[in-house]
């Protein structure tokens, strides 16, 4: 498991328009309704340092070097893990995160072209090697995600304004993601079907955790 205590660490990942934030909020509410102590976080964000980094990374009008972008996100992640995620897990709580390190590998490595090994090492330093118990990777084609964002009349941030080629690289990275606890969910389905699939995966991990299986 996550190695940070008796809690449960759930991450929701995926490309733009996949429904990550909606699913993360739903999971947190469902777990609360089930009587679990839940801490919901988003990346970047969740602490004053991380929120400041988010503001710069998503809204600065100037072009930003991929490495500068990376270090902003890693600073935010390191602060969030140290101040919020690890203490919550140590207290036996469930942490539900809207994005974590897979986003960095998809956007800054696959999308922006930074070197995989160096970024992986920097990620491990920022998180102290923390690994989620389950990472739910939502899958939608780029065109579907774009259409959903237009329908929601959402003002695009700096990443959402990137061209389709960038977002296709991001999507491919997500589709190729593997590792402990990584689960892929077809997010082109109805919202209820996506929620049910996600809940099954969370319950499976919860059952393993309660039996002490790591």
N, C-alpha and C. Protein backbone atom coordinates (compact mmCIF):
# COMPACT_ATOMS: atom_id res chain seq x y z
N UNK A 1 0.84 -1.19 0.00
CA UNK A 1 0.00 0.00 0.00
C UNK A 1 0.88 1.25 0.00
N UNK A 2 0.33 2.42 0.39
CA UNK A 2 1.06 3.67 0.21
C UNK A 2 2.26 3.83 1.15
N UNK A 3 2.32 3.04 2.19
CA UNK A 3 3.47 3.09 3.09
C UNK A 3 3.50 4.31 3.98
N UNK A 4 2.39 5.08 4.01
CA UNK A 4 2.39 6.32 4.79
C UNK A 4 1.46 6.23 6.00
N UNK A 5 1.06 5.03 6.38
CA UNK A 5 0.15 4.89 7.51
C UNK A 5 -1.01 3.99 7.15
N UNK A 6 -2.08 4.05 7.93
CA UNK A 6 -3.20 3.14 7.73
C UNK A 6 -4.29 3.71 6.85
N UNK A 7 -4.09 4.90 6.30
CA UNK A 7 -5.10 5.50 5.44
C UNK A 7 -5.10 4.93 4.04
N UNK A 8 -5.92 5.51 3.18
CA UNK A 8 -6.08 5.07 1.80
C UNK A 8 -5.89 6.27 0.89
N UNK A 9 -5.04 6.12 -0.12
CA UNK A 9 -4.72 7.22 -1.03
C UNK A 9 -5.27 6.90 -2.42
N UNK A 10 -6.28 7.68 -2.82
CA UNK A 10 -6.95 7.49 -4.10
C UNK A 10 -6.66 8.70 -4.99
N UNK A 11 -6.26 8.44 -6.23
CA UNK A 11 -5.98 9.52 -7.18
C UNK A 11 -6.84 9.34 -8.43
N UNK A 12 -7.38 10.44 -8.92
CA UNK A 12 -8.13 10.42 -10.18
C UNK A 12 -7.31 11.20 -11.21
N UNK A 13 -7.05 10.56 -12.35
CA UNK A 13 -6.21 11.13 -13.39
C UNK A 13 -6.92 11.08 -14.74
N UNK A 14 -6.33 11.77 -15.71
CA UNK A 14 -6.85 11.70 -17.07
C UNK A 14 -6.67 13.00 -17.81
N UNK A 15 -6.93 12.99 -19.11
CA UNK A 15 -6.75 14.18 -19.94
C UNK A 15 -7.85 15.21 -19.71
N UNK A 16 -7.73 16.33 -20.42
CA UNK A 16 -8.71 17.41 -20.28
C UNK A 16 -10.10 16.93 -20.71
N UNK A 17 -11.11 17.30 -19.93
CA UNK A 17 -12.49 16.96 -20.27
C UNK A 17 -12.89 15.54 -19.92
N UNK A 18 -12.04 14.82 -19.19
CA UNK A 18 -12.35 13.43 -18.86
C UNK A 18 -13.32 13.30 -17.70
N UNK A 19 -13.49 14.37 -16.90
CA UNK A 19 -14.39 14.31 -15.75
C UNK A 19 -13.69 13.99 -14.45
N UNK A 20 -12.39 14.28 -14.37
CA UNK A 20 -11.61 13.96 -13.17
C UNK A 20 -12.16 14.65 -11.92
N UNK A 21 -12.34 15.96 -12.02
CA UNK A 21 -12.76 16.72 -10.83
C UNK A 21 -14.15 16.29 -10.38
N UNK A 22 -15.03 16.05 -11.33
CA UNK A 22 -16.39 15.60 -10.99
C UNK A 22 -16.35 14.26 -10.28
N UNK A 23 -15.55 13.32 -10.80
CA UNK A 23 -15.47 11.99 -10.18
C UNK A 23 -14.80 12.08 -8.81
N UNK A 24 -13.75 12.89 -8.69
CA UNK A 24 -13.07 13.02 -7.39
C UNK A 24 -14.04 13.55 -6.33
N UNK A 25 -14.83 14.55 -6.70
CA UNK A 25 -15.81 15.08 -5.73
C UNK A 25 -16.85 14.02 -5.37
N UNK A 26 -17.29 13.26 -6.36
CA UNK A 26 -18.29 12.22 -6.10
C UNK A 26 -17.72 11.15 -5.18
N UNK A 27 -16.50 10.71 -5.44
CA UNK A 27 -15.89 9.68 -4.59
C UNK A 27 -15.75 10.17 -3.15
N UNK A 28 -15.31 11.41 -2.98
CA UNK A 28 -15.15 11.95 -1.63
C UNK A 28 -16.49 11.97 -0.90
N UNK A 29 -17.53 12.40 -1.61
CA UNK A 29 -18.86 12.46 -0.99
C UNK A 29 -19.37 11.06 -0.65
N UNK A 30 -19.15 10.10 -1.55
CA UNK A 30 -19.61 8.73 -1.33
C UNK A 30 -18.89 8.10 -0.14
N UNK A 31 -17.60 8.32 -0.05
CA UNK A 31 -16.83 7.79 1.07
C UNK A 31 -17.25 8.42 2.39
N UNK A 32 -17.52 9.73 2.37
CA UNK A 32 -18.04 10.40 3.56
C UNK A 32 -19.37 9.81 3.99
N UNK A 33 -20.23 9.56 3.02
CA UNK A 33 -21.54 8.98 3.32
C UNK A 33 -21.41 7.58 3.90
N UNK A 34 -20.31 6.90 3.56
CA UNK A 34 -20.05 5.57 4.10
C UNK A 34 -19.37 5.62 5.47
N UNK A 35 -19.19 6.82 5.99
CA UNK A 35 -18.62 6.97 7.32
C UNK A 35 -17.12 7.04 7.38
N UNK A 36 -16.46 7.24 6.23
CA UNK A 36 -15.01 7.35 6.22
C UNK A 36 -14.59 8.81 6.41
N UNK A 37 -13.49 9.02 7.09
CA UNK A 37 -12.90 10.36 7.22
C UNK A 37 -12.14 10.64 5.93
N UNK A 38 -12.54 11.70 5.23
CA UNK A 38 -12.01 11.95 3.89
C UNK A 38 -11.36 13.33 3.82
N UNK A 39 -10.22 13.39 3.14
CA UNK A 39 -9.57 14.65 2.81
C UNK A 39 -9.48 14.72 1.29
N UNK A 40 -10.12 15.73 0.70
CA UNK A 40 -10.09 15.90 -0.75
C UNK A 40 -9.10 17.00 -1.11
N UNK A 41 -8.23 16.71 -2.08
CA UNK A 41 -7.23 17.68 -2.50
C UNK A 41 -7.20 17.73 -4.03
N UNK A 42 -6.61 18.83 -4.54
CA UNK A 42 -6.41 18.94 -5.97
C UNK A 42 -4.96 19.33 -6.22
N UNK A 43 -4.50 18.99 -7.42
CA UNK A 43 -3.14 19.37 -7.81
C UNK A 43 -3.17 20.21 -9.07
N UNK A 44 -2.34 21.25 -9.11
CA UNK A 44 -1.63 21.80 -7.94
C UNK A 44 -2.61 22.55 -7.05
N UNK A 45 -2.35 22.57 -5.75
CA UNK A 45 -3.19 23.29 -4.82
C UNK A 45 -3.24 22.60 -3.47
N UNK A 46 -4.04 23.15 -2.56
CA UNK A 46 -4.26 22.52 -1.28
C UNK A 46 -3.51 23.12 -0.11
N UNK A 47 -2.50 23.95 -0.39
CA UNK A 47 -1.79 24.70 0.65
C UNK A 47 -1.54 26.09 0.07
N UNK A 48 -1.23 27.08 0.91
CA UNK A 48 -0.94 28.41 0.35
C UNK A 48 0.18 28.40 -0.69
N UNK A 49 1.23 27.63 -0.42
CA UNK A 49 2.34 27.53 -1.39
C UNK A 49 1.85 26.91 -2.69
N UNK A 50 1.11 25.81 -2.57
CA UNK A 50 0.65 25.10 -3.77
C UNK A 50 -0.37 25.91 -4.56
N UNK A 51 -1.22 26.65 -3.88
CA UNK A 51 -2.20 27.47 -4.59
C UNK A 51 -1.52 28.62 -5.33
N UNK A 52 -0.47 29.17 -4.73
CA UNK A 52 0.29 30.22 -5.41
C UNK A 52 0.95 29.66 -6.67
N UNK A 53 1.51 28.46 -6.57
CA UNK A 53 2.11 27.81 -7.74
C UNK A 53 1.06 27.54 -8.81
N UNK A 54 -0.13 27.13 -8.39
CA UNK A 54 -1.21 26.88 -9.35
C UNK A 54 -1.56 28.15 -10.12
N UNK A 55 -1.66 29.24 -9.40
CA UNK A 55 -2.03 30.51 -10.03
C UNK A 55 -1.02 30.88 -11.11
N UNK A 56 0.25 30.73 -10.80
CA UNK A 56 1.29 31.07 -11.78
C UNK A 56 1.26 30.08 -12.95
N UNK A 57 1.23 28.79 -12.65
CA UNK A 57 1.34 27.77 -13.70
C UNK A 57 0.18 27.79 -14.69
N UNK A 58 -1.02 28.08 -14.20
CA UNK A 58 -2.21 27.98 -15.05
C UNK A 58 -2.61 29.29 -15.71
N UNK A 59 -2.17 30.42 -15.15
CA UNK A 59 -2.71 31.69 -15.65
C UNK A 59 -1.68 32.67 -16.18
N UNK A 60 -0.39 32.43 -15.92
CA UNK A 60 0.61 33.40 -16.39
C UNK A 60 0.52 33.51 -17.92
N UNK A 61 0.45 34.72 -18.46
CA UNK A 61 0.26 34.86 -19.90
C UNK A 61 1.52 34.59 -20.71
N UNK A 62 2.68 34.69 -20.09
CA UNK A 62 3.93 34.50 -20.81
C UNK A 62 4.22 33.02 -21.04
N UNK A 63 4.97 32.75 -22.10
CA UNK A 63 5.41 31.38 -22.35
C UNK A 63 6.34 30.96 -21.23
N UNK A 64 6.22 29.69 -20.80
CA UNK A 64 7.02 29.20 -19.69
C UNK A 64 7.83 27.99 -20.15
N UNK A 65 9.11 27.96 -19.79
CA UNK A 65 9.95 26.81 -20.12
C UNK A 65 9.39 25.56 -19.44
N UNK A 66 9.38 24.41 -20.13
CA UNK A 66 8.86 23.18 -19.51
C UNK A 66 9.50 22.87 -18.15
N UNK A 67 10.81 23.13 -18.01
CA UNK A 67 11.46 22.84 -16.73
C UNK A 67 10.94 23.76 -15.63
N UNK A 68 10.68 25.03 -15.96
CA UNK A 68 10.14 25.96 -14.97
C UNK A 68 8.75 25.50 -14.53
N UNK A 69 7.97 25.08 -15.51
CA UNK A 69 6.63 24.55 -15.25
C UNK A 69 6.72 23.34 -14.32
N UNK A 70 7.65 22.44 -14.62
CA UNK A 70 7.83 21.24 -13.82
C UNK A 70 8.13 21.58 -12.37
N UNK A 71 9.06 22.50 -12.14
CA UNK A 71 9.46 22.79 -10.77
C UNK A 71 8.37 23.51 -9.99
N UNK A 72 7.53 24.27 -10.68
CA UNK A 72 6.36 24.85 -10.01
C UNK A 72 5.45 23.74 -9.48
N UNK A 73 5.16 22.76 -10.35
CA UNK A 73 4.27 21.67 -9.95
C UNK A 73 4.89 20.82 -8.85
N UNK A 74 6.19 20.57 -8.95
CA UNK A 74 6.84 19.75 -7.93
C UNK A 74 6.90 20.46 -6.58
N UNK A 75 7.11 21.77 -6.60
CA UNK A 75 7.09 22.53 -5.34
C UNK A 75 5.71 22.44 -4.70
N UNK A 76 4.67 22.58 -5.52
CA UNK A 76 3.30 22.47 -5.01
C UNK A 76 3.05 21.08 -4.45
N UNK A 77 3.50 20.06 -5.19
CA UNK A 77 3.26 18.67 -4.74
C UNK A 77 4.01 18.36 -3.46
N UNK A 78 5.25 18.78 -3.37
CA UNK A 78 6.03 18.51 -2.17
C UNK A 78 5.37 19.13 -0.94
N UNK A 79 4.88 20.35 -1.08
CA UNK A 79 4.24 21.02 0.06
C UNK A 79 2.93 20.34 0.44
N UNK A 80 2.16 19.95 -0.57
CA UNK A 80 0.88 19.27 -0.30
C UNK A 80 1.10 17.93 0.39
N UNK A 81 2.04 17.15 -0.11
CA UNK A 81 2.30 15.83 0.48
C UNK A 81 2.78 15.99 1.92
N UNK A 82 3.68 16.93 2.15
CA UNK A 82 4.25 17.10 3.50
C UNK A 82 3.21 17.62 4.49
N UNK A 83 2.40 18.59 4.07
CA UNK A 83 1.51 19.26 5.02
C UNK A 83 0.12 18.64 5.12
N UNK A 84 -0.34 17.96 4.06
CA UNK A 84 -1.72 17.47 4.05
C UNK A 84 -1.82 15.97 3.85
N UNK A 85 -1.21 15.44 2.78
CA UNK A 85 -1.46 14.05 2.40
C UNK A 85 -0.88 13.07 3.42
N UNK A 86 0.40 13.18 3.71
CA UNK A 86 0.99 12.22 4.65
C UNK A 86 0.37 12.30 6.05
N UNK A 87 0.14 13.49 6.61
CA UNK A 87 -0.53 13.53 7.92
C UNK A 87 -1.91 12.88 7.91
N UNK A 88 -2.67 13.09 6.83
CA UNK A 88 -4.01 12.48 6.75
C UNK A 88 -3.91 10.96 6.67
N UNK A 89 -3.00 10.45 5.87
CA UNK A 89 -2.84 9.00 5.76
C UNK A 89 -2.37 8.41 7.08
N UNK A 90 -1.46 9.10 7.75
CA UNK A 90 -0.98 8.62 9.05
C UNK A 90 -2.09 8.57 10.09
N UNK A 91 -3.08 9.44 9.92
CA UNK A 91 -4.22 9.48 10.85
C UNK A 91 -5.31 8.48 10.44
N UNK A 92 -5.08 7.69 9.40
CA UNK A 92 -6.05 6.69 8.99
C UNK A 92 -7.15 7.22 8.10
N UNK A 93 -6.97 8.39 7.54
CA UNK A 93 -8.01 8.99 6.70
C UNK A 93 -7.85 8.56 5.24
N UNK A 94 -8.90 8.80 4.46
CA UNK A 94 -8.86 8.56 3.02
C UNK A 94 -8.54 9.89 2.34
N UNK A 95 -7.53 9.90 1.50
CA UNK A 95 -7.20 11.08 0.71
C UNK A 95 -7.64 10.83 -0.73
N UNK A 96 -8.47 11.72 -1.26
CA UNK A 96 -8.89 11.65 -2.66
C UNK A 96 -8.27 12.84 -3.38
N UNK A 97 -7.39 12.56 -4.34
CA UNK A 97 -6.67 13.62 -5.04
C UNK A 97 -7.09 13.73 -6.50
N UNK A 98 -7.35 14.94 -6.91
CA UNK A 98 -7.61 15.27 -8.31
C UNK A 98 -6.26 15.58 -8.93
N UNK A 99 -5.62 14.58 -9.51
CA UNK A 99 -4.28 14.58 -10.11
C UNK A 99 -3.19 14.29 -9.08
N UNK A 100 -2.10 13.67 -9.59
CA UNK A 100 -0.88 13.45 -8.80
C UNK A 100 0.26 13.29 -9.80
N UNK A 101 1.22 12.39 -9.54
CA UNK A 101 2.43 12.41 -10.38
C UNK A 101 2.22 11.94 -11.81
N UNK A 102 1.17 11.15 -12.09
CA UNK A 102 0.94 10.75 -13.48
C UNK A 102 0.67 11.96 -14.37
N UNK A 103 0.09 13.00 -13.80
CA UNK A 103 -0.12 14.22 -14.59
C UNK A 103 1.20 14.81 -15.06
N UNK A 104 2.20 14.78 -14.18
CA UNK A 104 3.51 15.30 -14.56
C UNK A 104 4.11 14.47 -15.68
N UNK A 105 3.99 13.14 -15.58
CA UNK A 105 4.55 12.29 -16.62
C UNK A 105 3.80 12.47 -17.95
N UNK A 106 2.52 12.75 -17.88
CA UNK A 106 1.74 12.94 -19.11
C UNK A 106 1.99 14.31 -19.73
N UNK A 107 1.92 15.35 -18.91
CA UNK A 107 1.99 16.72 -19.45
C UNK A 107 3.43 17.21 -19.66
N UNK A 108 4.26 17.08 -18.63
CA UNK A 108 5.59 17.64 -18.76
C UNK A 108 6.58 16.71 -19.48
N UNK A 109 6.36 15.40 -19.39
CA UNK A 109 7.24 14.46 -20.09
C UNK A 109 6.71 14.18 -21.50
N UNK A 110 5.55 13.53 -21.59
CA UNK A 110 5.03 13.19 -22.91
C UNK A 110 4.62 14.43 -23.70
N UNK A 111 3.95 15.37 -23.03
CA UNK A 111 3.47 16.55 -23.73
C UNK A 111 4.57 17.53 -24.07
N UNK A 112 5.40 17.88 -23.09
CA UNK A 112 6.40 18.94 -23.27
C UNK A 112 7.79 18.43 -23.60
N UNK A 113 8.01 17.10 -23.46
CA UNK A 113 9.28 16.53 -23.90
C UNK A 113 10.40 16.49 -22.89
N UNK A 114 10.12 16.67 -21.61
CA UNK A 114 11.18 16.57 -20.60
C UNK A 114 11.61 15.10 -20.43
N UNK A 115 12.83 14.85 -19.98
CA UNK A 115 13.35 13.47 -19.89
C UNK A 115 12.68 12.67 -18.79
N UNK A 116 12.27 11.46 -19.13
CA UNK A 116 11.50 10.60 -18.23
C UNK A 116 12.24 10.31 -16.92
N UNK A 117 13.47 9.84 -17.01
CA UNK A 117 14.17 9.40 -15.79
C UNK A 117 14.41 10.54 -14.82
N UNK A 118 14.85 11.67 -15.34
CA UNK A 118 15.12 12.81 -14.47
C UNK A 118 13.85 13.31 -13.79
N UNK A 119 12.76 13.34 -14.54
CA UNK A 119 11.49 13.79 -13.96
C UNK A 119 10.99 12.78 -12.92
N UNK A 120 11.15 11.50 -13.21
CA UNK A 120 10.74 10.47 -12.25
C UNK A 120 11.49 10.62 -10.93
N UNK A 121 12.80 10.87 -11.02
CA UNK A 121 13.60 11.05 -9.82
C UNK A 121 13.16 12.29 -9.05
N UNK A 122 12.89 13.37 -9.77
CA UNK A 122 12.43 14.60 -9.11
C UNK A 122 11.08 14.38 -8.44
N UNK A 123 10.22 13.63 -9.08
CA UNK A 123 8.92 13.30 -8.48
C UNK A 123 9.09 12.52 -7.18
N UNK A 124 9.99 11.54 -7.21
CA UNK A 124 10.21 10.74 -6.00
C UNK A 124 10.75 11.61 -4.87
N UNK A 125 11.61 12.56 -5.21
CA UNK A 125 12.12 13.48 -4.19
C UNK A 125 11.00 14.35 -3.63
N UNK A 126 10.12 14.84 -4.50
CA UNK A 126 9.04 15.72 -4.06
C UNK A 126 8.04 15.00 -3.17
N UNK A 127 7.81 13.71 -3.43
CA UNK A 127 6.78 12.97 -2.70
C UNK A 127 7.34 12.06 -1.61
N UNK A 128 8.68 11.96 -1.53
CA UNK A 128 9.25 10.99 -0.61
C UNK A 128 8.93 9.57 -1.00
N UNK A 129 8.68 9.35 -2.29
CA UNK A 129 8.36 8.01 -2.78
C UNK A 129 6.93 7.57 -2.54
N UNK A 130 6.05 8.49 -2.18
CA UNK A 130 4.66 8.13 -1.92
C UNK A 130 3.98 7.64 -3.19
N UNK A 131 3.30 6.49 -3.10
CA UNK A 131 2.59 5.90 -4.24
C UNK A 131 1.12 5.73 -3.86
N UNK A 132 0.18 6.15 -4.70
CA UNK A 132 -1.24 5.98 -4.38
C UNK A 132 -1.62 4.50 -4.26
N UNK A 133 -2.63 4.21 -3.47
CA UNK A 133 -3.15 2.85 -3.39
C UNK A 133 -3.90 2.48 -4.66
N UNK A 134 -4.60 3.45 -5.22
CA UNK A 134 -5.29 3.24 -6.50
C UNK A 134 -5.27 4.54 -7.28
N UNK A 135 -4.96 4.43 -8.57
CA UNK A 135 -5.00 5.58 -9.48
C UNK A 135 -6.00 5.26 -10.58
N UNK A 136 -7.09 5.99 -10.60
CA UNK A 136 -8.14 5.79 -11.58
C UNK A 136 -7.86 6.69 -12.78
N UNK A 137 -7.48 6.10 -13.91
CA UNK A 137 -7.13 6.86 -15.10
C UNK A 137 -8.33 6.88 -16.04
N UNK A 138 -8.94 8.05 -16.17
CA UNK A 138 -10.11 8.19 -17.04
C UNK A 138 -9.65 8.41 -18.48
N UNK A 139 -10.32 7.74 -19.40
CA UNK A 139 -9.91 7.78 -20.81
C UNK A 139 -11.02 8.38 -21.67
N UNK A 140 -10.71 9.50 -22.33
CA UNK A 140 -11.61 10.04 -23.36
C UNK A 140 -10.75 10.55 -24.51
N UNK A 141 -11.21 10.40 -25.76
CA UNK A 141 -10.47 10.97 -26.88
C UNK A 141 -10.36 12.48 -26.75
N UNK A 142 -9.34 13.04 -27.38
CA UNK A 142 -9.11 14.48 -27.31
C UNK A 142 -10.33 15.26 -27.78
N UNK A 143 -10.92 14.84 -28.90
CA UNK A 143 -12.07 15.56 -29.44
C UNK A 143 -13.25 15.55 -28.47
N UNK A 144 -13.44 14.43 -27.79
CA UNK A 144 -14.54 14.34 -26.81
C UNK A 144 -14.30 15.27 -25.64
N UNK A 145 -13.07 15.29 -25.15
CA UNK A 145 -12.74 16.19 -24.05
C UNK A 145 -12.92 17.65 -24.43
N UNK A 146 -12.49 18.01 -25.64
CA UNK A 146 -12.66 19.38 -26.11
C UNK A 146 -14.14 19.75 -26.18
N UNK A 147 -14.95 18.84 -26.72
CA UNK A 147 -16.38 19.11 -26.86
C UNK A 147 -17.04 19.30 -25.50
N UNK A 148 -16.65 18.50 -24.53
CA UNK A 148 -17.21 18.64 -23.18
C UNK A 148 -16.85 19.99 -22.57
N UNK A 149 -15.62 20.42 -22.77
CA UNK A 149 -15.21 21.71 -22.23
C UNK A 149 -15.97 22.87 -22.89
N UNK A 150 -16.17 22.77 -24.19
CA UNK A 150 -16.94 23.82 -24.88
C UNK A 150 -18.38 23.85 -24.36
N UNK A 151 -18.95 22.67 -24.17
CA UNK A 151 -20.34 22.59 -23.69
C UNK A 151 -20.48 23.16 -22.28
N UNK A 152 -19.41 23.04 -21.49
CA UNK A 152 -19.44 23.56 -20.12
C UNK A 152 -19.12 25.05 -20.06
N UNK A 153 -18.79 25.65 -21.21
CA UNK A 153 -18.44 27.08 -21.29
C UNK A 153 -17.33 27.43 -20.30
N UNK A 154 -16.35 26.51 -20.20
CA UNK A 154 -15.25 26.69 -19.26
C UNK A 154 -14.16 27.53 -19.92
N UNK A 155 -13.71 28.57 -19.23
CA UNK A 155 -12.61 29.38 -19.75
C UNK A 155 -11.33 28.54 -19.72
N UNK A 156 -10.68 28.31 -20.85
CA UNK A 156 -9.52 27.41 -20.89
C UNK A 156 -8.30 28.00 -20.19
N UNK A 157 -7.59 27.14 -19.45
CA UNK A 157 -6.34 27.59 -18.84
C UNK A 157 -5.19 27.40 -19.84
N UNK A 158 -3.97 27.65 -19.40
CA UNK A 158 -2.84 27.64 -20.31
C UNK A 158 -2.61 26.27 -20.93
N UNK A 159 -2.88 25.20 -20.17
CA UNK A 159 -2.70 23.85 -20.71
C UNK A 159 -3.82 23.48 -21.66
N UNK A 160 -5.01 23.85 -21.32
CA UNK A 160 -6.15 23.53 -22.18
C UNK A 160 -6.06 24.24 -23.53
N UNK A 161 -5.30 25.33 -23.59
CA UNK A 161 -5.13 26.05 -24.85
C UNK A 161 -4.05 25.43 -25.75
N UNK A 162 -3.36 24.42 -25.26
CA UNK A 162 -2.36 23.75 -26.09
C UNK A 162 -3.04 23.07 -27.28
N UNK A 163 -2.27 22.83 -28.36
CA UNK A 163 -2.88 22.26 -29.56
C UNK A 163 -3.20 20.78 -29.40
N UNK A 164 -3.94 20.25 -30.38
CA UNK A 164 -4.39 18.86 -30.29
C UNK A 164 -3.23 17.88 -30.28
N UNK A 165 -2.14 18.20 -30.98
CA UNK A 165 -0.99 17.29 -30.99
C UNK A 165 -0.43 17.10 -29.58
N UNK A 166 -0.34 18.19 -28.84
CA UNK A 166 0.10 18.12 -27.44
C UNK A 166 -0.83 17.21 -26.65
N UNK A 167 -2.13 17.43 -26.80
CA UNK A 167 -3.09 16.66 -26.01
C UNK A 167 -3.17 15.19 -26.45
N UNK A 168 -2.85 14.92 -27.69
CA UNK A 168 -2.78 13.51 -28.11
C UNK A 168 -1.60 12.81 -27.45
N UNK A 169 -0.49 13.51 -27.30
CA UNK A 169 0.67 12.93 -26.60
C UNK A 169 0.33 12.68 -25.13
N UNK A 170 -0.37 13.62 -24.52
CA UNK A 170 -0.81 13.45 -23.13
C UNK A 170 -1.72 12.24 -22.99
N UNK A 171 -2.69 12.13 -23.88
CA UNK A 171 -3.63 11.00 -23.83
C UNK A 171 -2.91 9.68 -23.99
N UNK A 172 -1.97 9.61 -24.93
CA UNK A 172 -1.24 8.37 -25.16
C UNK A 172 -0.44 7.97 -23.93
N UNK A 173 0.14 8.95 -23.25
CA UNK A 173 0.87 8.65 -22.02
C UNK A 173 -0.05 8.07 -20.96
N UNK A 174 -1.23 8.64 -20.82
CA UNK A 174 -2.19 8.09 -19.87
C UNK A 174 -2.60 6.67 -20.25
N UNK A 175 -2.84 6.45 -21.53
CA UNK A 175 -3.27 5.12 -21.96
C UNK A 175 -2.19 4.07 -21.74
N UNK A 176 -0.93 4.48 -21.77
CA UNK A 176 0.18 3.55 -21.57
C UNK A 176 0.60 3.42 -20.10
N UNK A 177 -0.04 4.16 -19.22
CA UNK A 177 0.35 4.15 -17.81
C UNK A 177 0.09 2.79 -17.17
N UNK A 178 1.09 2.29 -16.47
CA UNK A 178 0.97 1.03 -15.75
C UNK A 178 1.60 1.21 -14.37
N UNK A 179 1.47 0.19 -13.55
CA UNK A 179 2.10 0.24 -12.23
C UNK A 179 1.13 -0.17 -11.14
N UNK A 180 1.62 -0.24 -9.91
CA UNK A 180 0.77 -0.67 -8.79
C UNK A 180 -0.45 0.22 -8.64
N UNK A 181 -1.62 -0.39 -8.65
CA UNK A 181 -2.86 0.33 -8.40
C UNK A 181 -3.40 1.14 -9.55
N UNK A 182 -2.75 1.12 -10.72
CA UNK A 182 -3.24 1.90 -11.86
C UNK A 182 -4.36 1.16 -12.57
N UNK A 183 -5.52 1.81 -12.68
CA UNK A 183 -6.70 1.21 -13.30
C UNK A 183 -7.23 2.16 -14.37
N UNK A 184 -7.54 1.63 -15.54
CA UNK A 184 -8.06 2.45 -16.63
C UNK A 184 -9.58 2.31 -16.73
N UNK A 185 -10.25 3.44 -16.88
CA UNK A 185 -11.71 3.46 -16.94
C UNK A 185 -12.15 4.22 -18.19
N UNK A 186 -13.03 3.63 -18.96
CA UNK A 186 -13.58 4.27 -20.15
C UNK A 186 -14.54 5.37 -19.70
N UNK A 187 -14.12 6.62 -19.86
CA UNK A 187 -14.93 7.75 -19.39
C UNK A 187 -15.81 8.33 -20.48
N UNK A 188 -15.92 7.63 -21.62
CA UNK A 188 -16.89 8.06 -22.63
C UNK A 188 -18.29 7.57 -22.27
N UNK A 189 -18.38 6.68 -21.31
CA UNK A 189 -19.68 6.14 -20.88
C UNK A 189 -20.45 7.16 -20.05
N UNK A 190 -21.69 6.80 -19.75
CA UNK A 190 -22.53 7.67 -18.91
C UNK A 190 -21.87 7.87 -17.55
N UNK A 191 -22.13 9.02 -16.94
CA UNK A 191 -21.50 9.37 -15.67
C UNK A 191 -21.72 8.30 -14.60
N UNK A 192 -22.91 7.75 -14.53
CA UNK A 192 -23.21 6.73 -13.51
C UNK A 192 -22.37 5.48 -13.73
N UNK A 193 -22.17 5.09 -14.98
CA UNK A 193 -21.36 3.91 -15.27
C UNK A 193 -19.90 4.14 -14.86
N UNK A 194 -19.40 5.33 -15.10
CA UNK A 194 -18.04 5.67 -14.70
C UNK A 194 -17.92 5.65 -13.18
N UNK A 195 -18.90 6.21 -12.48
CA UNK A 195 -18.90 6.20 -11.03
C UNK A 195 -18.92 4.78 -10.47
N UNK A 196 -19.74 3.94 -11.05
CA UNK A 196 -19.84 2.56 -10.57
C UNK A 196 -18.53 1.81 -10.78
N UNK A 197 -17.89 2.03 -11.93
CA UNK A 197 -16.61 1.37 -12.20
C UNK A 197 -15.54 1.85 -11.22
N UNK A 198 -15.52 3.15 -10.97
CA UNK A 198 -14.56 3.70 -10.03
C UNK A 198 -14.80 3.17 -8.62
N UNK A 199 -16.05 3.11 -8.22
CA UNK A 199 -16.38 2.64 -6.87
C UNK A 199 -15.98 1.18 -6.66
N UNK A 200 -16.16 0.35 -7.69
CA UNK A 200 -15.73 -1.05 -7.59
C UNK A 200 -14.23 -1.14 -7.33
N UNK A 201 -13.46 -0.31 -8.02
CA UNK A 201 -12.01 -0.35 -7.83
C UNK A 201 -11.62 0.14 -6.44
N UNK A 202 -12.27 1.17 -5.97
CA UNK A 202 -11.97 1.69 -4.63
C UNK A 202 -12.32 0.65 -3.57
N UNK A 203 -13.47 0.00 -3.73
CA UNK A 203 -13.88 -1.01 -2.76
C UNK A 203 -12.95 -2.21 -2.77
N UNK A 204 -12.43 -2.56 -3.95
CA UNK A 204 -11.49 -3.69 -4.02
C UNK A 204 -10.21 -3.36 -3.25
N UNK A 205 -9.72 -2.16 -3.39
CA UNK A 205 -8.51 -1.76 -2.68
C UNK A 205 -8.79 -1.65 -1.18
N UNK A 206 -9.96 -1.14 -0.82
CA UNK A 206 -10.35 -1.04 0.59
C UNK A 206 -10.41 -2.41 1.24
N UNK A 207 -10.93 -3.40 0.50
CA UNK A 207 -11.02 -4.77 1.02
C UNK A 207 -9.63 -5.34 1.25
N UNK A 208 -8.71 -5.11 0.31
CA UNK A 208 -7.34 -5.59 0.50
C UNK A 208 -6.69 -4.93 1.70
N UNK A 209 -6.91 -3.62 1.83
CA UNK A 209 -6.32 -2.87 2.93
C UNK A 209 -6.82 -3.38 4.28
N UNK A 210 -8.12 -3.67 4.34
CA UNK A 210 -8.70 -4.11 5.62
C UNK A 210 -8.21 -5.50 6.02
N UNK A 211 -7.71 -6.28 5.01
CA UNK A 211 -7.18 -7.61 5.33
C UNK A 211 -5.66 -7.55 5.56
N UNK A 212 -5.10 -6.32 5.46
CA UNK A 212 -3.68 -6.18 5.71
C UNK A 212 -2.81 -6.62 4.55
N UNK A 213 -3.39 -6.68 3.34
CA UNK A 213 -2.62 -7.08 2.17
C UNK A 213 -1.94 -5.84 1.60
N UNK A 214 -0.62 -5.91 1.35
CA UNK A 214 0.10 -4.76 0.80
C UNK A 214 0.70 -5.08 -0.55
